[in-house]
Amino acid sequence: MKSVYCHIQGLVSDNEREVADALDCMDSCGILIGPNESLVNFRKRIEKLLRELDEIRGGTSRFRDIYAGADYIEENLRSAAADMVWNFYKFRPDWIPAWVSKKHTGVFSEGILYEIDGFLPAIFLQRGGTLRSAEILAHEMCHAAKMPYPDSVYEEWFPRYVESSKFRRIFGNFFRRWQIPALAIASLVACAVLFILGMPVFGILALVPAAALILREIALRERLLRVRNMLCKSGYDPLPIMFRMDDNELSLLAKSRNPKQWIEDMSKSSYRWKMYKIKFAKRQS
C-alpha cells in the first residue's frame, strides 16, 4: 500500500499525467473509482480507508468489536487469493482485512463480505488453509473491489469466474439473490403438481416464471459474451475492463456498432475510461 500513499495527492493534481498515474496505482491495488465518483470524493474515501487500515493494524480501530475473537488470515493465503484475482482482473487486493470466523459466516456460507460504514471492506471465511479457502477469499475480494458500484445483475458472475468449479462459473450468477432460484423452483414444482393433477394448461402457465428467469440469465450471459468478443476484436484485454464496467456501460457497449470509437468517446470525458483505454490495451500488456 506504500504506492497508494505516494500517489494519493495526484488525484487532485492539475497535471493529467499525475492523475492518470494515481488512478492506475489505486486501480492496481483493487481500490476502484466508482462510475459516478468524482476524483475529490474518491480521494476522500481512500484517505478515510487508509486511516482505518492503520488503526486496524495498530489495534485502535473503532470497529474492532466487529472482528473481535476472529483469527486474522495468514499472509500466504491472502497472497494466493490476490494472485487469482490478478490473473483474471489485473488488481491485487491483498490489503483487504480478512479473518477466519465461523461466527461471522454462519452455517451455510463459506465466506462473507462486511461493508462497514460504506467504505471499509472486511472479509470473513468459515475456514482457512485450503485451496478452496483461497478461491472463496478471491471471490469476496472481487465483491469488495466493487463496493462503490451500484447493484448489478452480474453481481455473482465475475466473482464466481475466479473459482475452478465449472458449475459455480455457469450457475453462480443465478443465485445472486435467493428470490431468483426460490421462484424458479416454486414454478417448476407447481408445474409438476398441476400436470399430475391433470391440469396441463395450468401446468404450462405455472412454468412461465421459471422459463422467464432462465431466459433472462441466458440473455445476460449472451450480452457478456458479445461485449467480450467486441473488446477482443478492438484490441483490449476484455475481462479486466468488463469487471470495471457497470450494467449501463455493459449494455451500451453491447449495442455499439463501433466499440473502439465508443471507448474513445468515453475516454474523452472520463479519467476512469482514459485509464482503461491505456491500461488494458493488449499491445501494452
C-alpha atoms as a PDB file:
ATOM      1  CA  MET A   1       0.000   0.000   0.000  1.00  0.00           C
ATOM      2  CA  LYS A   2       3.051   2.301   0.056  1.00  0.00           C
ATOM      3  CA  SER A   3       2.442   3.246  -3.564  1.00  0.00           C
ATOM      4  CA  VAL A   4      -1.099   4.346  -2.656  1.00  0.00           C
ATOM      5  CA  TYR A   5       0.267   6.799  -0.081  1.00  0.00           C
ATOM      6  CA  CYS A   6       2.718   8.116  -2.677  1.00  0.00           C
ATOM      7  CA  HIS A   7       0.114   8.669  -5.378  1.00  0.00           C
ATOM      8  CA  ILE A   8      -2.902   9.898  -3.436  1.00  0.00           C
ATOM      9  CA  GLN A   9      -2.046  13.569  -3.910  1.00  0.00           C
ATOM     10  CA  GLY A  10      -2.015  13.024  -7.649  1.00  0.00           C
ATOM     11  CA  LEU A  11      -5.784  12.504  -7.675  1.00  0.00           C
ATOM     12  CA  VAL A  12      -6.342  16.244  -7.270  1.00  0.00           C
ATOM     13  CA  SER A  13      -3.392  17.385  -9.361  1.00  0.00           C
ATOM     14  CA  ASP A  14      -3.744  19.821 -12.268  1.00  0.00           C
ATOM     15  CA  ASN A  15      -1.382  17.562 -14.208  1.00  0.00           C
ATOM     16  CA  GLU A  16      -3.314  14.962 -16.226  1.00  0.00           C
ATOM     17  CA  ARG A  17      -0.367  12.578 -16.187  1.00  0.00           C
ATOM     18  CA  GLU A  18      -0.215  12.635 -12.393  1.00  0.00           C
ATOM     19  CA  VAL A  19      -3.951  11.980 -12.197  1.00  0.00           C
ATOM     20  CA  ALA A  20      -3.632   9.065 -14.622  1.00  0.00           C
ATOM     21  CA  ASP A  21      -0.718   7.559 -12.672  1.00  0.00           C
ATOM     22  CA  ALA A  22      -2.613   7.915  -9.391  1.00  0.00           C
ATOM     23  CA  LEU A  23      -5.739   6.251 -10.779  1.00  0.00           C
ATOM     24  CA  ASP A  24      -3.641   3.453 -12.260  1.00  0.00           C
ATOM     25  CA  CYS A  25      -1.946   2.867  -8.905  1.00  0.00           C
ATOM     26  CA  MET A  26      -5.230   2.736  -6.970  1.00  0.00           C
ATOM     27  CA  ASP A  27      -6.799   0.530  -9.612  1.00  0.00           C
ATOM     28  CA  SER A  28      -3.948  -1.998  -9.491  1.00  0.00           C
ATOM     29  CA  CYS A  29      -4.454  -2.295  -5.725  1.00  0.00           C
ATOM     30  CA  GLY A  30      -8.160  -3.003  -6.141  1.00  0.00           C
ATOM     31  CA  ILE A  31      -9.280   0.422  -4.953  1.00  0.00           C
ATOM     32  CA  LEU A  32     -11.548   1.174  -7.887  1.00  0.00           C
ATOM     33  CA  ILE A  33     -13.109   4.532  -8.594  1.00  0.00           C
ATOM     34  CA  GLY A  34     -16.888   4.274  -8.873  1.00  0.00           C
ATOM     35  CA  PRO A  35     -18.646   5.022 -12.184  1.00  0.00           C
ATOM     36  CA  ASN A  36     -20.177   8.214 -10.784  1.00  0.00           C
ATOM     37  CA  GLU A  37     -17.491   9.108  -8.234  1.00  0.00           C
ATOM     38  CA  SER A  38     -15.574  12.374  -8.572  1.00  0.00           C
ATOM     39  CA  LEU A  39     -11.817  12.474  -8.097  1.00  0.00           C
ATOM     40  CA  VAL A  40     -12.283  14.600  -4.964  1.00  0.00           C
ATOM     41  CA  ASN A  41     -14.706  12.146  -3.377  1.00  0.00           C
ATOM     42  CA  PHE A  42     -12.515   9.230  -4.456  1.00  0.00           C
ATOM     43  CA  ARG A  43      -9.542  10.777  -2.682  1.00  0.00           C
ATOM     44  CA  LYS A  44     -11.584  11.399   0.477  1.00  0.00           C
ATOM     45  CA  ARG A  45     -12.744   7.781   0.508  1.00  0.00           C
ATOM     46  CA  ILE A  46      -9.190   6.493   0.111  1.00  0.00           C
ATOM     47  CA  GLU A  47      -7.853   8.741   2.876  1.00  0.00           C
ATOM     48  CA  LYS A  48     -10.598   7.503   5.177  1.00  0.00           C
ATOM     49  CA  LEU A  49      -9.816   3.909   4.225  1.00  0.00           C
ATOM     50  CA  LEU A  50      -6.071   4.292   4.792  1.00  0.00           C
ATOM     51  CA  ARG A  51      -6.609   5.818   8.234  1.00  0.00           C
ATOM     52  CA  GLU A  52      -8.844   2.946   9.217  1.00  0.00           C
ATOM     53  CA  LEU A  53      -6.399   0.305   7.925  1.00  0.00           C
ATOM     54  CA  ASP A  54      -3.655   1.899  10.037  1.00  0.00           C
ATOM     55  CA  GLU A  55      -5.926   1.771  13.070  1.00  0.00           C
ATOM     56  CA  ILE A  56      -6.770  -1.895  12.460  1.00  0.00           C
ATOM     57  CA  ARG A  57      -3.056  -2.724  12.306  1.00  0.00           C
ATOM     58  CA  GLY A  58      -2.476  -0.679  15.455  1.00  0.00           C
ATOM     59  CA  GLY A  59      -5.380  -2.254  17.332  1.00  0.00           C
ATOM     60  CA  THR A  60      -7.188   1.051  17.804  1.00  0.00           C
ATOM     61  CA  SER A  61      -9.966   0.698  15.221  1.00  0.00           C
ATOM     62  CA  ARG A  62     -13.400   1.802  16.365  1.00  0.00           C
ATOM     63  CA  PHE A  63     -14.749  -1.238  14.525  1.00  0.00           C
ATOM     64  CA  ARG A  64     -12.625  -3.775  16.433  1.00  0.00           C
ATOM     65  CA  ASP A  65     -15.657  -5.224  18.208  1.00  0.00           C
ATOM     66  CA  ILE A  66     -16.894  -6.482  14.828  1.00  0.00           C
ATOM     67  CA  TYR A  67     -13.915  -8.801  14.319  1.00  0.00           C
ATOM     68  CA  ALA A  68     -13.061  -9.443  17.960  1.00  0.00           C
ATOM     69  CA  GLY A  69     -12.227 -13.122  18.514  1.00  0.00           C
ATOM     70  CA  ALA A  70     -11.704 -13.852  14.820  1.00  0.00           C
ATOM     71  CA  ASP A  71      -8.362 -15.203  13.549  1.00  0.00           C
ATOM     72  CA  TYR A  72      -6.537 -12.961  11.080  1.00  0.00           C
ATOM     73  CA  ILE A  73      -5.891 -14.750   7.784  1.00  0.00           C
ATOM     74  CA  GLU A  74      -2.262 -15.647   7.198  1.00  0.00           C
ATOM     75  CA  GLU A  75      -0.248 -13.868   4.513  1.00  0.00           C
ATOM     76  CA  ASN A  76       0.258 -16.868   2.209  1.00  0.00           C
ATOM     77  CA  LEU A  77      -3.498 -17.446   1.846  1.00  0.00           C
ATOM     78  CA  ARG A  78      -4.102 -13.744   1.289  1.00  0.00           C
ATOM     79  CA  SER A  79      -1.360 -13.667  -1.349  1.00  0.00           C
ATOM     80  CA  ALA A  80      -2.695 -16.766  -3.131  1.00  0.00           C
ATOM     81  CA  ALA A  81      -6.165 -15.224  -3.349  1.00  0.00           C
ATOM     82  CA  ALA A  82      -4.766 -11.915  -4.620  1.00  0.00           C
ATOM     83  CA  ASP A  83      -2.827 -13.794  -7.309  1.00  0.00           C
ATOM     84  CA  MET A  84      -6.066 -15.403  -8.515  1.00  0.00           C
ATOM     85  CA  VAL A  85      -7.754 -12.012  -8.766  1.00  0.00           C
ATOM     86  CA  TRP A  86      -4.769 -10.529 -10.591  1.00  0.00           C
ATOM     87  CA  ASN A  87      -4.743 -13.335 -13.149  1.00  0.00           C
ATOM     88  CA  PHE A  88      -8.312 -12.528 -14.188  1.00  0.00           C
ATOM     89  CA  TYR A  89      -8.864  -8.841 -13.437  1.00  0.00           C
ATOM     90  CA  LYS A  90      -5.415  -7.256 -13.030  1.00  0.00           C
ATOM     91  CA  PHE A  91      -5.600  -5.927  -9.486  1.00  0.00           C
ATOM     92  CA  ARG A  92      -4.114  -7.228  -6.225  1.00  0.00           C
ATOM     93  CA  PRO A  93      -6.397  -6.583  -3.222  1.00  0.00           C
ATOM     94  CA  ASP A  94      -4.150  -8.288  -0.649  1.00  0.00           C
ATOM     95  CA  TRP A  95      -4.566  -5.300   1.707  1.00  0.00           C
ATOM     96  CA  ILE A  96      -8.228  -6.082   2.459  1.00  0.00           C
ATOM     97  CA  PRO A  97      -8.736  -7.070   6.113  1.00  0.00           C
ATOM     98  CA  ALA A  98      -9.779 -10.721   6.300  1.00  0.00           C
ATOM     99  CA  TRP A  99     -10.386 -13.139   9.164  1.00  0.00           C
ATOM    100  CA  VAL A 100     -11.468 -16.727   9.782  1.00  0.00           C
ATOM    101  CA  SER A 101     -14.631 -16.878  11.859  1.00  0.00           C
ATOM    102  CA  LYS A 102     -17.480 -19.398  11.772  1.00  0.00           C
ATOM    103  CA  LYS A 103     -19.472 -16.997  13.921  1.00  0.00           C
ATOM    104  CA  HIS A 104     -19.447 -14.320  11.239  1.00  0.00           C
ATOM    105  CA  THR A 105     -20.027 -16.570   8.236  1.00  0.00           C
ATOM    106  CA  GLY A 106     -22.798 -18.674   9.699  1.00  0.00           C
ATOM    107  CA  VAL A 107     -23.600 -22.313   8.930  1.00  0.00           C
ATOM    108  CA  PHE A 108     -24.333 -22.145   5.197  1.00  0.00           C
ATOM    109  CA  SER A 109     -21.804 -19.572   3.979  1.00  0.00           C
ATOM    110  CA  GLU A 110     -18.156 -20.275   3.115  1.00  0.00           C
ATOM    111  CA  GLY A 111     -17.309 -16.593   3.108  1.00  0.00           C
ATOM    112  CA  ILE A 112     -18.928 -13.217   3.562  1.00  0.00           C
ATOM    113  CA  LEU A 113     -18.070  -9.559   2.945  1.00  0.00           C
ATOM    114  CA  TYR A 114     -18.966  -6.946   5.512  1.00  0.00           C
ATOM    115  CA  GLU A 115     -19.287  -3.396   4.138  1.00  0.00           C
ATOM    116  CA  ILE A 116     -18.537  -1.285   7.199  1.00  0.00           C
ATOM    117  CA  ASP A 117     -19.693   2.341   7.128  1.00  0.00           C
ATOM    118  CA  GLY A 118     -19.829   2.203   3.333  1.00  0.00           C
ATOM    119  CA  PHE A 119     -16.045   2.447   2.863  1.00  0.00           C
ATOM    120  CA  LEU A 120     -14.301  -0.377   4.757  1.00  0.00           C
ATOM    121  CA  PRO A 121     -14.430  -3.952   3.414  1.00  0.00           C
ATOM    122  CA  ALA A 122     -13.969  -6.785   5.895  1.00  0.00           C
ATOM    123  CA  ILE A 123     -13.955 -10.416   4.784  1.00  0.00           C
ATOM    124  CA  PHE A 124     -14.716 -13.433   6.962  1.00  0.00           C
ATOM    125  CA  LEU A 125     -14.119 -17.052   5.912  1.00  0.00           C
ATOM    126  CA  GLN A 126     -15.551 -20.120   7.567  1.00  0.00           C
ATOM    127  CA  ARG A 127     -12.177 -21.864   7.361  1.00  0.00           C
ATOM    128  CA  GLY A 128      -8.664 -21.175   6.109  1.00  0.00           C
ATOM    129  CA  GLY A 129      -5.640 -23.071   4.869  1.00  0.00           C
ATOM    130  CA  THR A 130      -7.058 -24.822   1.780  1.00  0.00           C
ATOM    131  CA  LEU A 131      -7.121 -24.119  -1.960  1.00  0.00           C
ATOM    132  CA  ARG A 132     -10.884 -23.690  -1.682  1.00  0.00           C
ATOM    133  CA  SER A 133     -10.319 -21.090   1.043  1.00  0.00           C
ATOM    134  CA  ALA A 134      -8.131 -19.098  -1.343  1.00  0.00           C
ATOM    135  CA  GLU A 135     -10.850 -19.223  -4.012  1.00  0.00           C
ATOM    136  CA  ILE A 136     -13.514 -18.036  -1.593  1.00  0.00           C
ATOM    137  CA  LEU A 137     -11.254 -15.240  -0.380  1.00  0.00           C
ATOM    138  CA  ALA A 138     -10.582 -14.212  -4.007  1.00  0.00           C
ATOM    139  CA  HIS A 139     -14.338 -14.281  -4.633  1.00  0.00           C
ATOM    140  CA  GLU A 140     -15.006 -11.938  -1.721  1.00  0.00           C
ATOM    141  CA  MET A 141     -12.112  -9.694  -2.739  1.00  0.00           C
ATOM    142  CA  CYS A 142     -13.900  -9.170  -6.064  1.00  0.00           C
ATOM    143  CA  HIS A 143     -17.056  -8.125  -4.223  1.00  0.00           C
ATOM    144  CA  ALA A 144     -15.020  -5.770  -2.032  1.00  0.00           C
ATOM    145  CA  ALA A 145     -13.488  -4.027  -5.040  1.00  0.00           C
ATOM    146  CA  LYS A 146     -16.959  -3.307  -6.441  1.00  0.00           C
ATOM    147  CA  MET A 147     -18.268  -1.671  -3.241  1.00  0.00           C
ATOM    148  CA  PRO A 148     -18.506   1.824  -4.822  1.00  0.00           C
ATOM    149  CA  TYR A 149     -20.530   0.432  -7.739  1.00  0.00           C
ATOM    150  CA  PRO A 150     -24.328   0.269  -7.974  1.00  0.00           C
ATOM    151  CA  ASP A 151     -26.123  -3.070  -7.665  1.00  0.00           C
ATOM    152  CA  SER A 152     -25.586  -5.316 -10.671  1.00  0.00           C
ATOM    153  CA  VAL A 153     -27.402  -8.160 -12.417  1.00  0.00           C
ATOM    154  CA  TYR A 154     -23.900  -9.652 -12.863  1.00  0.00           C
ATOM    155  CA  GLU A 155     -23.143  -9.459  -9.157  1.00  0.00           C
ATOM    156  CA  GLU A 156     -22.006 -13.083  -8.883  1.00  0.00           C
ATOM    157  CA  TRP A 157     -20.721 -13.640 -12.413  1.00  0.00           C
ATOM    158  CA  PHE A 158     -17.298 -12.014 -12.055  1.00  0.00           C
ATOM    159  CA  PRO A 159     -16.538 -13.236  -8.500  1.00  0.00           C
ATOM    160  CA  ARG A 160     -17.535 -16.792  -9.455  1.00  0.00           C
ATOM    161  CA  TYR A 161     -15.293 -16.672 -12.513  1.00  0.00           C
ATOM    162  CA  VAL A 162     -12.153 -16.823 -10.346  1.00  0.00           C
ATOM    163  CA  GLU A 163     -13.275 -20.197  -8.954  1.00  0.00           C
ATOM    164  CA  SER A 164     -12.253 -23.514 -10.504  1.00  0.00           C
ATOM    165  CA  SER A 165     -15.709 -25.153 -10.325  1.00  0.00           C
ATOM    166  CA  LYS A 166     -17.417 -25.097 -13.729  1.00  0.00           C
ATOM    167  CA  PHE A 167     -20.799 -25.446 -12.012  1.00  0.00           C
ATOM    168  CA  ARG A 168     -20.215 -22.322  -9.938  1.00  0.00           C
ATOM    169  CA  ARG A 169     -18.999 -20.422 -13.002  1.00  0.00           C
ATOM    170  CA  ILE A 170     -22.034 -21.378 -15.066  1.00  0.00           C
ATOM    171  CA  PHE A 171     -24.812 -21.186 -12.485  1.00  0.00           C
ATOM    172  CA  GLY A 172     -23.371 -18.950  -9.759  1.00  0.00           C
ATOM    173  CA  ASN A 173     -24.968 -15.745 -11.020  1.00  0.00           C
ATOM    174  CA  PHE A 174     -28.412 -17.371 -10.912  1.00  0.00           C
ATOM    175  CA  PHE A 175     -28.065 -17.419  -7.112  1.00  0.00           C
ATOM    176  CA  ARG A 176     -27.141 -13.729  -6.719  1.00  0.00           C
ATOM    177  CA  ARG A 177     -30.486 -13.214  -4.956  1.00  0.00           C
ATOM    178  CA  TRP A 178     -32.229 -16.002  -3.073  1.00  0.00           C
ATOM    179  CA  GLN A 179     -35.566 -14.954  -4.573  1.00  0.00           C
ATOM    180  CA  ILE A 180     -34.465 -15.968  -8.088  1.00  0.00           C
ATOM    181  CA  PRO A 181     -33.863 -19.708  -7.522  1.00  0.00           C
ATOM    182  CA  ALA A 182     -36.738 -19.805  -4.997  1.00  0.00           C
ATOM    183  CA  LEU A 183     -39.210 -18.520  -7.597  1.00  0.00           C
ATOM    184  CA  ALA A 184     -37.805 -20.842 -10.263  1.00  0.00           C
ATOM    185  CA  ILE A 185     -38.123 -23.886  -8.000  1.00  0.00           C
ATOM    186  CA  ALA A 186     -41.653 -22.922  -6.921  1.00  0.00           C
ATOM    187  CA  SER A 187     -42.624 -22.526 -10.583  1.00  0.00           C
ATOM    188  CA  LEU A 188     -41.221 -25.958 -11.518  1.00  0.00           C
ATOM    189  CA  VAL A 189     -42.875 -27.660  -8.543  1.00  0.00           C
ATOM    190  CA  ALA A 190     -46.225 -26.033  -9.307  1.00  0.00           C
ATOM    191  CA  CYS A 191     -45.940 -27.139 -12.939  1.00  0.00           C
ATOM    192  CA  ALA A 192     -45.243 -30.757 -11.928  1.00  0.00           C
ATOM    193  CA  VAL A 193     -48.102 -30.831  -9.407  1.00  0.00           C
ATOM    194  CA  LEU A 194     -50.608 -29.395 -11.881  1.00  0.00           C
ATOM    195  CA  PHE A 195     -49.625 -31.926 -14.542  1.00  0.00           C
ATOM    196  CA  ILE A 196     -50.039 -34.742 -12.021  1.00  0.00           C
ATOM    197  CA  LEU A 197     -53.493 -33.390 -11.135  1.00  0.00           C
ATOM    198  CA  GLY A 198     -54.470 -33.492 -14.789  1.00  0.00           C
ATOM    199  CA  MET A 199     -54.362 -29.745 -15.446  1.00  0.00           C
ATOM    200  CA  PRO A 200     -51.691 -29.414 -18.136  1.00  0.00           C
ATOM    201  CA  VAL A 201     -52.776 -25.973 -19.311  1.00  0.00           C
ATOM    202  CA  PHE A 202     -52.373 -24.518 -15.837  1.00  0.00           C
ATOM    203  CA  GLY A 203     -49.149 -26.503 -15.513  1.00  0.00           C
ATOM    204  CA  ILE A 204     -47.716 -24.803 -18.584  1.00  0.00           C
ATOM    205  CA  LEU A 205     -48.786 -21.396 -17.247  1.00  0.00           C
ATOM    206  CA  ALA A 206     -47.119 -22.176 -13.916  1.00  0.00           C
ATOM    207  CA  LEU A 207     -43.885 -22.815 -15.799  1.00  0.00           C
ATOM    208  CA  VAL A 208     -43.763 -19.255 -17.191  1.00  0.00           C
ATOM    209  CA  PRO A 209     -41.864 -17.643 -14.243  1.00  0.00           C
ATOM    210  CA  ALA A 210     -39.120 -20.309 -14.319  1.00  0.00           C
ATOM    211  CA  ALA A 211     -38.805 -20.040 -18.096  1.00  0.00           C
ATOM    212  CA  ALA A 212     -38.630 -16.233 -17.916  1.00  0.00           C
ATOM    213  CA  LEU A 213     -35.891 -16.325 -15.271  1.00  0.00           C
ATOM    214  CA  ILE A 214     -33.827 -18.849 -17.227  1.00  0.00           C
ATOM    215  CA  LEU A 215     -34.198 -16.909 -20.474  1.00  0.00           C
ATOM    216  CA  ARG A 216     -33.119 -13.721 -18.718  1.00  0.00           C
ATOM    217  CA  GLU A 217     -29.973 -15.382 -17.417  1.00  0.00           C
ATOM    218  CA  ILE A 218     -29.213 -16.659 -20.919  1.00  0.00           C
ATOM    219  CA  ALA A 219     -29.703 -13.142 -22.318  1.00  0.00           C
ATOM    220  CA  LEU A 220     -27.377 -11.664 -19.688  1.00  0.00           C
ATOM    221  CA  ARG A 221     -24.704 -14.222 -20.482  1.00  0.00           C
ATOM    222  CA  GLU A 222     -25.077 -13.560 -24.205  1.00  0.00           C
ATOM    223  CA  ARG A 223     -24.563  -9.837 -23.574  1.00  0.00           C
ATOM    224  CA  LEU A 224     -21.356 -10.512 -21.676  1.00  0.00           C
ATOM    225  CA  LEU A 225     -20.119 -12.791 -24.450  1.00  0.00           C
ATOM    226  CA  ARG A 226     -20.880 -10.111 -27.030  1.00  0.00           C
ATOM    227  CA  VAL A 227     -19.021  -7.435 -25.044  1.00  0.00           C
ATOM    228  CA  ARG A 228     -16.082  -9.769 -24.515  1.00  0.00           C
ATOM    229  CA  ASN A 229     -15.808 -10.508 -28.233  1.00  0.00           C
ATOM    230  CA  MET A 230     -16.118  -6.821 -29.118  1.00  0.00           C
ATOM    231  CA  LEU A 231     -13.315  -5.852 -26.731  1.00  0.00           C
ATOM    232  CA  CYS A 232     -11.063  -8.646 -28.006  1.00  0.00           C
ATOM    233  CA  LYS A 233     -11.551  -7.585 -31.619  1.00  0.00           C
ATOM    234  CA  SER A 234     -10.864  -3.976 -30.648  1.00  0.00           C
ATOM    235  CA  GLY A 235      -7.501  -4.892 -29.130  1.00  0.00           C
ATOM    236  CA  TYR A 236      -8.304  -4.899 -25.417  1.00  0.00           C
ATOM    237  CA  ASP A 237      -7.926  -7.402 -22.615  1.00  0.00           C
ATOM    238  CA  PRO A 238     -11.668  -7.938 -22.054  1.00  0.00           C
ATOM    239  CA  LEU A 239     -12.155  -9.355 -18.545  1.00  0.00           C
ATOM    240  CA  PRO A 240     -10.403  -6.548 -16.611  1.00  0.00           C
ATOM    241  CA  ILE A 241     -12.432  -3.886 -18.434  1.00  0.00           C
ATOM    242  CA  MET A 242     -15.709  -5.791 -18.130  1.00  0.00           C
ATOM    243  CA  PHE A 243     -15.170  -6.218 -14.395  1.00  0.00           C
ATOM    244  CA  ARG A 244     -14.834  -2.451 -14.019  1.00  0.00           C
ATOM    245  CA  MET A 245     -17.945  -1.569 -16.058  1.00  0.00           C
ATOM    246  CA  ASP A 246     -21.369  -1.028 -14.543  1.00  0.00           C
ATOM    247  CA  ASP A 247     -24.541  -2.562 -16.008  1.00  0.00           C
ATOM    248  CA  ASN A 248     -25.400   0.511 -18.037  1.00  0.00           C
ATOM    249  CA  GLU A 249     -21.947   0.625 -19.625  1.00  0.00           C
ATOM    250  CA  LEU A 250     -22.074  -3.060 -20.481  1.00  0.00           C
ATOM    251  CA  SER A 251     -25.476  -2.582 -22.087  1.00  0.00           C
ATOM    252  CA  LEU A 252     -24.379   0.469 -24.090  1.00  0.00           C
ATOM    253  CA  LEU A 253     -21.187  -1.171 -25.315  1.00  0.00           C
ATOM    254  CA  ALA A 254     -23.093  -4.316 -26.329  1.00  0.00           C
ATOM    255  CA  LYS A 255     -25.343  -2.147 -28.511  1.00  0.00           C
ATOM    256  CA  SER A 256     -22.481  -0.160 -30.013  1.00  0.00           C
ATOM    257  CA  ARG A 257     -21.630  -0.663 -33.676  1.00  0.00           C
ATOM    258  CA  ASN A 258     -18.097   0.611 -33.173  1.00  0.00           C
ATOM    259  CA  PRO A 259     -16.701  -0.459 -29.777  1.00  0.00           C
ATOM    260  CA  LYS A 260     -13.313   1.150 -30.335  1.00  0.00           C
ATOM    261  CA  GLN A 261     -14.954   4.504 -31.029  1.00  0.00           C
ATOM    262  CA  TRP A 262     -17.264   4.017 -28.033  1.00  0.00           C
ATOM    263  CA  ILE A 263     -14.246   3.599 -25.754  1.00  0.00           C
ATOM    264  CA  GLU A 264     -12.544   6.554 -27.405  1.00  0.00           C
ATOM    265  CA  ASP A 265     -15.594   8.742 -26.760  1.00  0.00           C
ATOM    266  CA  MET A 266     -15.814   7.588 -23.136  1.00  0.00           C
ATOM    267  CA  SER A 267     -12.128   8.344 -22.564  1.00  0.00           C
ATOM    268  CA  LYS A 268     -12.601  11.948 -23.720  1.00  0.00           C
ATOM    269  CA  SER A 269     -14.960  12.743 -20.857  1.00  0.00           C
ATOM    270  CA  SER A 270     -13.777  10.354 -18.145  1.00  0.00           C
ATOM    271  CA  TYR A 271     -10.406   9.955 -16.401  1.00  0.00           C
ATOM    272  CA  ARG A 272     -11.564   6.498 -15.463  1.00  0.00           C
ATOM    273  CA  TRP A 273     -12.085   5.428 -19.063  1.00  0.00           C
ATOM    274  CA  LYS A 274      -8.916   7.162 -20.210  1.00  0.00           C
ATOM    275  CA  MET A 275      -7.048   4.889 -17.802  1.00  0.00           C
ATOM    276  CA  TYR A 276      -8.860   1.757 -19.005  1.00  0.00           C
ATOM    277  CA  LYS A 277      -8.138   2.606 -22.622  1.00  0.00           C
ATOM    278  CA  ILE A 278      -4.394   2.769 -21.975  1.00  0.00           C
ATOM    279  CA  LYS A 279      -4.030   0.170 -19.247  1.00  0.00           C
ATOM    280  CA  PHE A 280      -5.872  -2.706 -20.879  1.00  0.00           C
ATOM    281  CA  ALA A 281      -4.808  -2.353 -24.485  1.00  0.00           C
ATOM    282  CA  LYS A 282      -3.385  -5.780 -25.416  1.00  0.00           C
ATOM    283  CA  ARG A 283      -0.429  -4.314 -27.268  1.00  0.00           C
ATOM    284  CA  GLN A 284       0.787  -2.862 -23.970  1.00  0.00           C
ATOM    285  CA  SER A 285       0.024  -5.781 -21.688  1.00  0.00           C
END
